[in-house]
Every structure is written in C-alpha cells, then in structure tokens.
Amino acid sequence: MTATCSGMRVCIDGESHEGVAIDVTGVAGEELVRAIRGQDASPRVDCPTPGPVHDHVSILPPASFDRRDALAAAARALGHESATRDELENARAELAALSPPPVDMRAVRRRVAEAGSEEERLRERVAELRGRLRARREMGADATAVEAKLDEATRQLSEAETERIAAEQALERAERAAREARDRRERCLKLEDRVANREREVRRDLAAAVWDRFRSAVRAVPGNATVGATPGEFDGDRLTAALAVARLAPLDAPVVVDGVDHVSGAGAAARLLDAPVIYTR
C-alpha cells in the first residue's frame, strides 16, 4: 500500500494512510464506497462528505450509469442552473399542495347504516310501548312502568335520530371531499406530467451547459467513444462516460477505482480524474 500528498485518510487493519491517491488491496470497492459515505466503520475513510456527483461516479466502473443525470449533477456542481428550474420548483410545490387526503367512504357509510338501523329499532320499540300503554290505560291497569320505559325509549329514539342526521351529513361531506379528491387527482396527473417534462428540460439544459467539457474529457480518458456536437450524441461504454464525468466534475470526496485495467494505480487515476482516488484490486 502506498500514499501520496494529503487529502484523506484510509485506515485498514490498524494501518493509516493519507493522501489524495491511495492504493489498497484485499478490500472490495463497495466496502470502500460505504466507508466513504460513513455507512461502515471498517475500513475507515476520513474525507469530505460526498456530493451529488458521487452518486454517479463513486465507484468506477459503475454498475449502471445514467449519463444525462450524471452530467446534470456535474453541471450543478460547477455552478450551472437551468432557466426552467423555477418552473420545475413551482410545479413540484403545486403538486405537493394538491396531494389529496385519503377519504374512507366505507367507514362513513357504515356509520349511516348503523345509525339508521338503530333508529328503526327504537322507532319500533316506541310504537310497541305506546300500544302497551294504551292497552293498560283502557283496562284501567297501572301504567307507571310502561310510561317510564316509553319515556326512556323516546329519549333514545331522539338521540338515534340526531346521530342518523349527523351521520348523513358526514356522508355528504365525505362524498363532496371524495369528488374534490378525484378532481385533485386529475389535476395531480397533469402536474406530474408537467413536472416530468420540466425535469427533462432541466437535465437537457444542464447537460448542454457542460457538453463541450464532457467531449474534451472523453478525449482525455481511456476508452473508445464517439461524442457528437449535442447532448445525446454519444456512442461508447458507461465506464468511458463515467470517467469523463468524474474528470470534469469538482470532486472533494474520493472516487473508488476498482481494478480498471487501463488505469494503472491510484496516482495515475488521480491525475487522470483530477480528483482524490482510492485504487483497489
């Protein structure tokens, strides 16, 4: 293991090594990436916090690579902005504000049904007690107990009617809210399309802002690729594209170069990318 210059510290098996270009052996690239992100205690890598560009070039070769997203991240890191940015942020804010709350219609309808059933049961109970009271009075019998039961049933019926009315009103409000939610969902779908379109425009603008630098970087890194005059005109492998993005972007946290055959060691990789590098095999 060797080290050059200063910029980061890598601690493996009790050994500490500092520099901007460090060669290691016997450590998987994915482990080093987790350590750089502070997700693992061993090995330990002390370095600046990775920025958004590292999401794309944290390890080379990358398992996957979205060239346009990576170029957009690099452009932002270099201070570029898209004229569409404000439109995108406004659309996102409007979409977040329109997200409809859930409406549980089943619970509201169940409340109406239960209230109606209870009201009907008590109405039948009141009618029955009234009949019994009338019969006892016709016979001249004591009706005190029946009168008390009737008064209680009448009170319960009044409460049940109130509950049924309240449940029906709640159902009306819920149905109105559900209709409004459907309208908001339709608006949300349109806004989602608008957000997606603005996101594509922002990525296209940002990629265009650094395209000339990307073309130069592709010519400077190893690999076979053809780059046209406009973004999207790229014919090459993802490693070449990732190397070029890493070269043009300002990187403070180290890039892990994992056994790239045509880059011979950390020093060469650091000079190629103009970035701190941990090289592993």
C-alpha atoms as a PDB file:
ATOM      1  CA  MET A   1       0.000   0.000   0.000  1.00  0.00           C
ATOM      2  CA  THR A   2       1.349   3.466  -0.900  1.00  0.00           C
ATOM      3  CA  ALA A   3       0.219   7.013  -0.308  1.00  0.00           C
ATOM      4  CA  THR A   4       0.856  10.434  -1.797  1.00  0.00           C
ATOM      5  CA  CYS A   5       0.112  14.023  -0.735  1.00  0.00           C
ATOM      6  CA  SER A   6      -2.661  14.869   1.710  1.00  0.00           C
ATOM      7  CA  GLY A   7      -6.455  14.980   1.428  1.00  0.00           C
ATOM      8  CA  MET A   8      -7.897  11.876   3.059  1.00  0.00           C
ATOM      9  CA  ARG A   9      -7.016   9.149   5.499  1.00  0.00           C
ATOM     10  CA  VAL A  10      -7.712   5.458   4.966  1.00  0.00           C
ATOM     11  CA  CYS A  11      -7.438   3.097   7.954  1.00  0.00           C
ATOM     12  CA  ILE A  12      -7.345  -0.653   7.244  1.00  0.00           C
ATOM     13  CA  ASP A  13      -6.366  -3.320   9.775  1.00  0.00           C
ATOM     14  CA  GLY A  14      -4.811  -0.746  12.080  1.00  0.00           C
ATOM     15  CA  GLU A  15      -2.715   0.913   9.346  1.00  0.00           C
ATOM     16  CA  SER A  16      -3.365   4.562   8.470  1.00  0.00           C
ATOM     17  CA  HIS A  17      -2.528   6.052   5.075  1.00  0.00           C
ATOM     18  CA  GLU A  18      -3.007   9.641   3.958  1.00  0.00           C
ATOM     19  CA  GLY A  19      -3.015  11.291   0.549  1.00  0.00           C
ATOM     20  CA  VAL A  20      -5.074  12.122  -2.499  1.00  0.00           C
ATOM     21  CA  ALA A  21      -4.116   8.853  -4.205  1.00  0.00           C
ATOM     22  CA  ILE A  22      -4.087   5.645  -2.171  1.00  0.00           C
ATOM     23  CA  ASP A  23      -3.630   2.089  -3.413  1.00  0.00           C
ATOM     24  CA  VAL A  24      -5.209  -0.727  -1.406  1.00  0.00           C
ATOM     25  CA  THR A  25      -5.513  -4.461  -1.868  1.00  0.00           C
ATOM     26  CA  GLY A  26      -7.906  -7.018  -0.486  1.00  0.00           C
ATOM     27  CA  VAL A  27     -10.776  -4.568   0.056  1.00  0.00           C
ATOM     28  CA  ALA A  28     -13.874  -4.665  -2.124  1.00  0.00           C
ATOM     29  CA  GLY A  29     -14.775  -1.448  -3.909  1.00  0.00           C
ATOM     30  CA  GLU A  30     -18.307  -1.496  -2.489  1.00  0.00           C
ATOM     31  CA  GLU A  31     -16.899  -1.623   1.061  1.00  0.00           C
ATOM     32  CA  LEU A  32     -14.779   1.442   0.380  1.00  0.00           C
ATOM     33  CA  VAL A  33     -17.764   3.318  -1.052  1.00  0.00           C
ATOM     34  CA  ARG A  34     -19.815   2.552   2.076  1.00  0.00           C
ATOM     35  CA  ALA A  35     -16.908   3.753   4.231  1.00  0.00           C
ATOM     36  CA  ILE A  36     -16.638   6.995   2.236  1.00  0.00           C
ATOM     37  CA  ARG A  37     -20.352   7.553   2.826  1.00  0.00           C
ATOM     38  CA  GLY A  38     -19.946   6.891   6.549  1.00  0.00           C
ATOM     39  CA  GLN A  39     -22.030   3.724   6.410  1.00  0.00           C
ATOM     40  CA  ASP A  40     -19.304   1.344   7.631  1.00  0.00           C
ATOM     41  CA  ALA A  41     -16.743   1.513  10.431  1.00  0.00           C
ATOM     42  CA  SER A  42     -14.233  -0.806   8.774  1.00  0.00           C
ATOM     43  CA  PRO A  43     -12.375   0.093   6.698  1.00  0.00           C
ATOM     44  CA  ARG A  44     -12.433   3.721   7.823  1.00  0.00           C
ATOM     45  CA  VAL A  45     -12.124   6.556   5.354  1.00  0.00           C
ATOM     46  CA  ASP A  46     -11.838  10.124   6.652  1.00  0.00           C
ATOM     47  CA  CYS A  47     -12.664  12.504   3.815  1.00  0.00           C
ATOM     48  CA  PRO A  48     -15.024  15.320   2.789  1.00  0.00           C
ATOM     49  CA  THR A  49     -18.715  14.460   2.545  1.00  0.00           C
ATOM     50  CA  PRO A  50     -19.606  13.084  -0.905  1.00  0.00           C
ATOM     51  CA  GLY A  51     -21.708  15.381  -3.068  1.00  0.00           C
ATOM     52  CA  PRO A  52     -24.454  14.569  -5.601  1.00  0.00           C
ATOM     53  CA  VAL A  53     -21.963  13.760  -8.376  1.00  0.00           C
ATOM     54  CA  HIS A  54     -20.631  10.883  -6.264  1.00  0.00           C
ATOM     55  CA  ASP A  55     -23.996   9.171  -6.617  1.00  0.00           C
ATOM     56  CA  HIS A  56     -22.941   8.551 -10.219  1.00  0.00           C
ATOM     57  CA  VAL A  57     -19.137   8.111 -10.055  1.00  0.00           C
ATOM     58  CA  SER A  58     -18.473   6.878  -6.517  1.00  0.00           C
ATOM     59  CA  ILE A  59     -17.068   3.651  -7.964  1.00  0.00           C
ATOM     60  CA  LEU A  60     -15.536   3.055 -11.381  1.00  0.00           C
ATOM     61  CA  PRO A  61     -16.564   1.121 -13.319  1.00  0.00           C
ATOM     62  CA  PRO A  62     -20.138   1.849 -12.230  1.00  0.00           C
ATOM     63  CA  ALA A  63     -22.720  -0.932 -12.099  1.00  0.00           C
ATOM     64  CA  SER A  64     -25.072   1.359 -14.030  1.00  0.00           C
ATOM     65  CA  PHE A  65     -24.777   4.872 -15.355  1.00  0.00           C
ATOM     66  CA  ASP A  66     -27.358   7.493 -16.337  1.00  0.00           C
ATOM     67  CA  ARG A  67     -25.245   9.841 -18.416  1.00  0.00           C
ATOM     68  CA  ARG A  68     -27.753  12.701 -18.570  1.00  0.00           C
ATOM     69  CA  ASP A  69     -28.401  12.652 -14.793  1.00  0.00           C
ATOM     70  CA  ALA A  70     -24.663  12.492 -14.115  1.00  0.00           C
ATOM     71  CA  LEU A  71     -23.978  15.435 -16.423  1.00  0.00           C
ATOM     72  CA  ALA A  72     -26.779  17.421 -14.763  1.00  0.00           C
ATOM     73  CA  ALA A  73     -25.259  16.762 -11.337  1.00  0.00           C
ATOM     74  CA  ALA A  74     -21.816  17.773 -12.615  1.00  0.00           C
ATOM     75  CA  ALA A  75     -23.225  20.961 -14.144  1.00  0.00           C
ATOM     76  CA  ARG A  76     -24.867  21.931 -10.845  1.00  0.00           C
ATOM     77  CA  ALA A  77     -21.601  21.257  -9.014  1.00  0.00           C
ATOM     78  CA  LEU A  78     -19.902  23.631 -11.472  1.00  0.00           C
ATOM     79  CA  GLY A  79     -22.469  26.350 -10.743  1.00  0.00           C
ATOM     80  CA  HIS A  80     -24.761  25.986 -13.755  1.00  0.00           C
ATOM     81  CA  GLU A  81     -28.527  26.363 -13.471  1.00  0.00           C
ATOM     82  CA  SER A  82     -31.358  25.778 -15.909  1.00  0.00           C
ATOM     83  CA  ALA A  83     -33.739  28.546 -16.926  1.00  0.00           C
ATOM     84  CA  THR A  84     -36.529  26.014 -16.305  1.00  0.00           C
ATOM     85  CA  ARG A  85     -35.538  25.458 -12.661  1.00  0.00           C
ATOM     86  CA  ASP A  86     -38.089  27.901 -11.191  1.00  0.00           C
ATOM     87  CA  GLU A  87     -40.892  26.383 -13.280  1.00  0.00           C
ATOM     88  CA  LEU A  88     -39.910  22.922 -12.046  1.00  0.00           C
ATOM     89  CA  GLU A  89     -39.833  24.002  -8.399  1.00  0.00           C
ATOM     90  CA  ASN A  90     -43.207  25.738  -8.718  1.00  0.00           C
ATOM     91  CA  ALA A  91     -44.742  22.664 -10.341  1.00  0.00           C
ATOM     92  CA  ARG A  92     -43.343  20.428  -7.594  1.00  0.00           C
ATOM     93  CA  ALA A  93     -44.692  22.735  -4.877  1.00  0.00           C
ATOM     94  CA  GLU A  94     -48.116  22.857  -6.513  1.00  0.00           C
ATOM     95  CA  LEU A  95     -48.127  19.080  -6.835  1.00  0.00           C
ATOM     96  CA  ALA A  96     -47.239  18.629  -3.157  1.00  0.00           C
ATOM     97  CA  ALA A  97     -50.008  21.025  -2.109  1.00  0.00           C
ATOM     98  CA  LEU A  98     -52.581  19.219  -4.254  1.00  0.00           C
ATOM     99  CA  SER A  99     -51.911  15.721  -2.948  1.00  0.00           C
ATOM    100  CA  PRO A 100     -55.450  14.641  -1.912  1.00  0.00           C
ATOM    101  CA  PRO A 101     -56.046  13.298   1.600  1.00  0.00           C
ATOM    102  CA  PRO A 102     -57.483   9.780   1.839  1.00  0.00           C
ATOM    103  CA  VAL A 103     -61.258   9.518   2.228  1.00  0.00           C
ATOM    104  CA  ASP A 104     -62.580   6.350   3.921  1.00  0.00           C
ATOM    105  CA  MET A 105     -66.079   6.140   2.434  1.00  0.00           C
ATOM    106  CA  ARG A 106     -66.679   2.645   3.821  1.00  0.00           C
ATOM    107  CA  ALA A 107     -66.456   3.816   7.428  1.00  0.00           C
ATOM    108  CA  VAL A 108     -68.780   6.786   6.799  1.00  0.00           C
ATOM    109  CA  ARG A 109     -71.356   4.643   5.000  1.00  0.00           C
ATOM    110  CA  ARG A 110     -71.191   2.042   7.749  1.00  0.00           C
ATOM    111  CA  ARG A 111     -71.935   4.750  10.320  1.00  0.00           C
ATOM    112  CA  VAL A 112     -75.022   5.854   8.344  1.00  0.00           C
ATOM    113  CA  ALA A 113     -76.266   2.265   8.033  1.00  0.00           C
ATOM    114  CA  GLU A 114     -75.750   1.515  11.722  1.00  0.00           C
ATOM    115  CA  ALA A 115     -77.425   4.772  12.784  1.00  0.00           C
ATOM    116  CA  GLY A 116     -80.384   4.075  10.508  1.00  0.00           C
ATOM    117  CA  SER A 117     -80.783   0.531  11.849  1.00  0.00           C
ATOM    118  CA  GLU A 118     -80.669   1.742  15.443  1.00  0.00           C
ATOM    119  CA  GLU A 119     -83.207   4.461  14.742  1.00  0.00           C
ATOM    120  CA  GLU A 120     -85.567   1.948  13.099  1.00  0.00           C
ATOM    121  CA  ARG A 121     -85.220  -0.475  16.022  1.00  0.00           C
ATOM    122  CA  LEU A 122     -86.018   2.258  18.562  1.00  0.00           C
ATOM    123  CA  ARG A 123     -88.931   3.550  16.478  1.00  0.00           C
ATOM    124  CA  GLU A 124     -90.461   0.054  16.561  1.00  0.00           C
ATOM    125  CA  ARG A 125     -89.756  -0.116  20.305  1.00  0.00           C
ATOM    126  CA  VAL A 126     -91.555   3.215  20.905  1.00  0.00           C
ATOM    127  CA  ALA A 127     -94.533   2.098  18.808  1.00  0.00           C
ATOM    128  CA  GLU A 128     -94.728  -1.160  20.786  1.00  0.00           C
ATOM    129  CA  LEU A 129     -94.610   0.624  24.168  1.00  0.00           C
ATOM    130  CA  ARG A 130     -97.254   3.122  23.082  1.00  0.00           C
ATOM    131  CA  GLY A 131     -99.544   0.226  22.187  1.00  0.00           C
ATOM    132  CA  ARG A 132     -98.919  -1.438  25.549  1.00  0.00           C
ATOM    133  CA  LEU A 133     -99.531   1.865  27.389  1.00  0.00           C
ATOM    134  CA  ARG A 134    -102.822   2.423  25.564  1.00  0.00           C
ATOM    135  CA  ALA A 135    -103.968  -1.106  26.332  1.00  0.00           C
ATOM    136  CA  ARG A 136    -103.197  -0.792  30.073  1.00  0.00           C
ATOM    137  CA  ARG A 137    -104.997   2.508  30.281  1.00  0.00           C
ATOM    138  CA  GLU A 138    -108.060   1.025  28.555  1.00  0.00           C
ATOM    139  CA  MET A 139    -108.043  -1.759  31.111  1.00  0.00           C
ATOM    140  CA  GLY A 140    -107.566   0.698  33.985  1.00  0.00           C
ATOM    141  CA  ALA A 141    -104.320  -1.076  34.963  1.00  0.00           C
ATOM    142  CA  ASP A 142    -101.250   0.614  36.440  1.00  0.00           C
ATOM    143  CA  ALA A 143     -99.207   2.044  33.532  1.00  0.00           C
ATOM    144  CA  THR A 144     -96.354   3.662  35.522  1.00  0.00           C
ATOM    145  CA  ALA A 145     -93.653   1.136  34.495  1.00  0.00           C
ATOM    146  CA  VAL A 146     -94.696   1.211  30.848  1.00  0.00           C
ATOM    147  CA  GLU A 147     -94.701   5.020  30.853  1.00  0.00           C
ATOM    148  CA  ALA A 148     -91.134   5.053  32.217  1.00  0.00           C
ATOM    149  CA  LYS A 149     -89.985   2.590  29.572  1.00  0.00           C
ATOM    150  CA  LEU A 150     -91.689   4.661  26.871  1.00  0.00           C
ATOM    151  CA  ASP A 151     -90.043   7.875  28.078  1.00  0.00           C
ATOM    152  CA  GLU A 152     -86.610   6.182  28.002  1.00  0.00           C
ATOM    153  CA  ALA A 153     -87.217   4.666  24.554  1.00  0.00           C
ATOM    154  CA  THR A 154     -88.432   8.042  23.240  1.00  0.00           C
ATOM    155  CA  ARG A 155     -85.259   9.717  24.584  1.00  0.00           C
ATOM    156  CA  GLN A 156     -83.083   7.069  22.943  1.00  0.00           C
ATOM    157  CA  LEU A 157     -85.002   7.451  19.676  1.00  0.00           C
ATOM    158  CA  SER A 158     -84.366  11.213  19.710  1.00  0.00           C
ATOM    159  CA  GLU A 159     -80.645  10.583  20.199  1.00  0.00           C
ATOM    160  CA  ALA A 160     -80.655   7.987  17.424  1.00  0.00           C
ATOM    161  CA  GLU A 161     -82.364  10.436  15.059  1.00  0.00           C
ATOM    162  CA  THR A 162     -79.728  13.044  15.892  1.00  0.00           C
ATOM    163  CA  GLU A 163     -76.954  10.507  15.264  1.00  0.00           C
ATOM    164  CA  ARG A 164     -78.509   9.421  11.956  1.00  0.00           C
ATOM    165  CA  ILE A 165     -78.776  13.045  10.772  1.00  0.00           C
ATOM    166  CA  ALA A 166     -75.171  13.685  11.799  1.00  0.00           C
ATOM    167  CA  ALA A 167     -74.039  10.515  10.009  1.00  0.00           C
ATOM    168  CA  GLU A 168     -75.873  11.521   6.830  1.00  0.00           C
ATOM    169  CA  GLN A 169     -74.324  14.975   6.976  1.00  0.00           C
ATOM    170  CA  ALA A 170     -70.893  13.387   7.460  1.00  0.00           C
ATOM    171  CA  LEU A 171     -71.572  11.185   4.438  1.00  0.00           C
ATOM    172  CA  GLU A 172     -72.478  14.218   2.337  1.00  0.00           C
ATOM    173  CA  ARG A 173     -69.243  15.930   3.390  1.00  0.00           C
ATOM    174  CA  ALA A 174     -67.240  12.776   2.652  1.00  0.00           C
ATOM    175  CA  GLU A 175     -68.841  12.393  -0.780  1.00  0.00           C
ATOM    176  CA  ARG A 176     -68.072  16.035  -1.526  1.00  0.00           C
ATOM    177  CA  ALA A 177     -64.489  15.531  -0.333  1.00  0.00           C
ATOM    178  CA  ALA A 178     -64.204  12.395  -2.481  1.00  0.00           C
ATOM    179  CA  ARG A 179     -65.365  14.318  -5.554  1.00  0.00           C
ATOM    180  CA  GLU A 180     -62.867  17.079  -4.776  1.00  0.00           C
ATOM    181  CA  ALA A 181     -60.164  14.443  -4.261  1.00  0.00           C
ATOM    182  CA  ARG A 182     -60.930  12.961  -7.682  1.00  0.00           C
ATOM    183  CA  ASP A 183     -60.669  16.444  -9.197  1.00  0.00           C
ATOM    184  CA  ARG A 184     -57.352  16.989  -7.394  1.00  0.00           C
ATOM    185  CA  ARG A 185     -56.078  13.611  -8.584  1.00  0.00           C
ATOM    186  CA  GLU A 186     -56.841  14.598 -12.171  1.00  0.00           C
ATOM    187  CA  ARG A 187     -55.000  17.872 -11.582  1.00  0.00           C
ATOM    188  CA  CYS A 188     -52.154  15.910  -9.962  1.00  0.00           C
ATOM    189  CA  LEU A 189     -51.800  13.717 -13.029  1.00  0.00           C
ATOM    190  CA  LYS A 190     -51.456  16.789 -15.213  1.00  0.00           C
ATOM    191  CA  LEU A 191     -48.953  18.280 -12.779  1.00  0.00           C
ATOM    192  CA  GLU A 192     -46.964  15.042 -12.660  1.00  0.00           C
ATOM    193  CA  ASP A 193     -46.655  15.214 -16.447  1.00  0.00           C
ATOM    194  CA  ARG A 194     -45.638  18.848 -16.159  1.00  0.00           C
ATOM    195  CA  VAL A 195     -43.010  18.043 -13.501  1.00  0.00           C
ATOM    196  CA  ALA A 196     -41.618  15.180 -15.607  1.00  0.00           C
ATOM    197  CA  ASN A 197     -41.393  17.449 -18.648  1.00  0.00           C
ATOM    198  CA  ARG A 198     -39.680  20.211 -16.666  1.00  0.00           C
ATOM    199  CA  GLU A 199     -37.251  17.688 -15.160  1.00  0.00           C
ATOM    200  CA  ARG A 200     -36.301  16.517 -18.633  1.00  0.00           C
ATOM    201  CA  GLU A 201     -35.838  20.105 -19.763  1.00  0.00           C
ATOM    202  CA  VAL A 202     -33.656  20.905 -16.740  1.00  0.00           C
ATOM    203  CA  ARG A 203     -31.476  17.839 -17.336  1.00  0.00           C
ATOM    204  CA  ARG A 204     -31.203  18.708 -21.019  1.00  0.00           C
ATOM    205  CA  ASP A 205     -30.223  22.326 -20.242  1.00  0.00           C
ATOM    206  CA  LEU A 206     -27.638  21.286 -17.666  1.00  0.00           C
ATOM    207  CA  ALA A 207     -26.170  18.582 -19.880  1.00  0.00           C
ATOM    208  CA  ALA A 208     -25.853  21.129 -22.695  1.00  0.00           C
ATOM    209  CA  ALA A 209     -24.071  23.545 -20.343  1.00  0.00           C
ATOM    210  CA  VAL A 210     -21.178  21.094 -19.820  1.00  0.00           C
ATOM    211  CA  TRP A 211     -21.316  19.178 -23.083  1.00  0.00           C
ATOM    212  CA  ASP A 212     -18.189  20.736 -24.552  1.00  0.00           C
ATOM    213  CA  ARG A 213     -16.278  19.952 -21.363  1.00  0.00           C
ATOM    214  CA  PHE A 214     -17.634  16.408 -21.482  1.00  0.00           C
ATOM    215  CA  ARG A 215     -16.452  15.997 -25.071  1.00  0.00           C
ATOM    216  CA  SER A 216     -12.970  17.156 -24.080  1.00  0.00           C
ATOM    217  CA  ALA A 217     -12.980  14.855 -21.056  1.00  0.00           C
ATOM    218  CA  VAL A 218     -13.964  11.855 -23.183  1.00  0.00           C
ATOM    219  CA  ARG A 219     -10.994  12.524 -25.448  1.00  0.00           C
ATOM    220  CA  ALA A 220      -8.693  12.693 -22.391  1.00  0.00           C
ATOM    221  CA  VAL A 221      -9.741   9.448 -20.685  1.00  0.00           C
ATOM    222  CA  PRO A 222      -9.006   5.925 -21.881  1.00  0.00           C
ATOM    223  CA  GLY A 223     -11.716   4.093 -23.792  1.00  0.00           C
ATOM    224  CA  ASN A 224     -13.391   4.157 -27.161  1.00  0.00           C
ATOM    225  CA  ALA A 225     -16.263   6.581 -27.573  1.00  0.00           C
ATOM    226  CA  THR A 226     -17.662   8.947 -30.147  1.00  0.00           C
ATOM    227  CA  VAL A 227     -19.212  12.194 -28.945  1.00  0.00           C
ATOM    228  CA  GLY A 228     -21.338  14.394 -31.173  1.00  0.00           C
ATOM    229  CA  ALA A 229     -21.932  18.120 -31.060  1.00  0.00           C
ATOM    230  CA  THR A 230     -25.087  17.986 -28.930  1.00  0.00           C
ATOM    231  CA  PRO A 231     -26.129  16.094 -25.763  1.00  0.00           C
ATOM    232  CA  GLY A 232     -27.395  12.636 -26.546  1.00  0.00           C
ATOM    233  CA  GLU A 233     -24.893  12.093 -29.353  1.00  0.00           C
ATOM    234  CA  PHE A 234     -22.694   9.627 -27.514  1.00  0.00           C
ATOM    235  CA  ASP A 235     -21.609   6.211 -28.664  1.00  0.00           C
ATOM    236  CA  GLY A 236     -19.487   4.479 -26.045  1.00  0.00           C
ATOM    237  CA  ASP A 237     -19.462   2.377 -22.905  1.00  0.00           C
ATOM    238  CA  ARG A 238     -20.569   3.535 -19.468  1.00  0.00           C
ATOM    239  CA  LEU A 239     -17.040   3.374 -17.994  1.00  0.00           C
ATOM    240  CA  THR A 240     -15.725   5.897 -20.524  1.00  0.00           C
ATOM    241  CA  ALA A 241     -18.684   8.194 -19.866  1.00  0.00           C
ATOM    242  CA  ALA A 242     -18.273   7.862 -16.094  1.00  0.00           C
ATOM    243  CA  LEU A 243     -14.538   8.571 -16.266  1.00  0.00           C
ATOM    244  CA  ALA A 244     -15.267  11.694 -18.309  1.00  0.00           C
ATOM    245  CA  VAL A 245     -17.892  12.946 -15.847  1.00  0.00           C
ATOM    246  CA  ALA A 246     -15.541  12.299 -12.926  1.00  0.00           C
ATOM    247  CA  ARG A 247     -12.809  14.223 -14.743  1.00  0.00           C
ATOM    248  CA  LEU A 248     -14.934  17.301 -15.482  1.00  0.00           C
ATOM    249  CA  ALA A 249     -16.758  17.498 -12.131  1.00  0.00           C
ATOM    250  CA  PRO A 250     -15.260  19.084  -8.993  1.00  0.00           C
ATOM    251  CA  LEU A 251     -14.890  16.160  -6.570  1.00  0.00           C
ATOM    252  CA  ASP A 252     -13.802  16.512  -2.952  1.00  0.00           C
ATOM    253  CA  ALA A 253     -14.578  13.013  -1.686  1.00  0.00           C
ATOM    254  CA  PRO A 254     -12.538  10.185  -3.229  1.00  0.00           C
ATOM    255  CA  VAL A 255     -13.569   8.089  -6.193  1.00  0.00           C
ATOM    256  CA  VAL A 256     -13.025   4.337  -5.834  1.00  0.00           C
ATOM    257  CA  VAL A 257     -11.345   2.910  -8.925  1.00  0.00           C
ATOM    258  CA  ASP A 258     -11.879  -0.830  -8.750  1.00  0.00           C
ATOM    259  CA  GLY A 259      -9.420  -2.688 -10.969  1.00  0.00           C
ATOM    260  CA  VAL A 260      -9.780  -0.637 -14.150  1.00  0.00           C
ATOM    261  CA  ASP A 261      -7.183  -2.292 -16.393  1.00  0.00           C
ATOM    262  CA  HIS A 262      -6.246   0.735 -18.474  1.00  0.00           C
ATOM    263  CA  VAL A 263      -5.676   2.937 -15.385  1.00  0.00           C
ATOM    264  CA  SER A 264      -2.525   1.809 -13.597  1.00  0.00           C
ATOM    265  CA  GLY A 265      -2.880   2.656  -9.922  1.00  0.00           C
ATOM    266  CA  ALA A 266      -4.171   5.435  -7.706  1.00  0.00           C
ATOM    267  CA  GLY A 267      -1.623   8.045  -8.756  1.00  0.00           C
ATOM    268  CA  ALA A 268      -2.416   7.705 -12.436  1.00  0.00           C
ATOM    269  CA  ALA A 269      -6.146   7.688 -11.716  1.00  0.00           C
ATOM    270  CA  ALA A 270      -5.921  10.808  -9.518  1.00  0.00           C
ATOM    271  CA  ARG A 271      -4.004  12.679 -12.228  1.00  0.00           C
ATOM    272  CA  LEU A 272      -6.435  11.488 -14.895  1.00  0.00           C
ATOM    273  CA  LEU A 273      -9.536  12.497 -12.940  1.00  0.00           C
ATOM    274  CA  ASP A 274      -8.017  15.467 -11.099  1.00  0.00           C
ATOM    275  CA  ALA A 275      -9.720  14.059  -8.002  1.00  0.00           C
ATOM    276  CA  PRO A 276      -8.819  12.069  -4.887  1.00  0.00           C
ATOM    277  CA  VAL A 277      -8.754   8.337  -5.646  1.00  0.00           C
ATOM    278  CA  ILE A 278      -8.680   5.068  -3.767  1.00  0.00           C
ATOM    279  CA  TYR A 279      -7.498   2.363  -6.156  1.00  0.00           C
ATOM    280  CA  THR A 280      -8.277  -1.231  -5.250  1.00  0.00           C
ATOM    281  CA  ARG A 281      -7.804  -4.633  -6.834  1.00  0.00           C
END
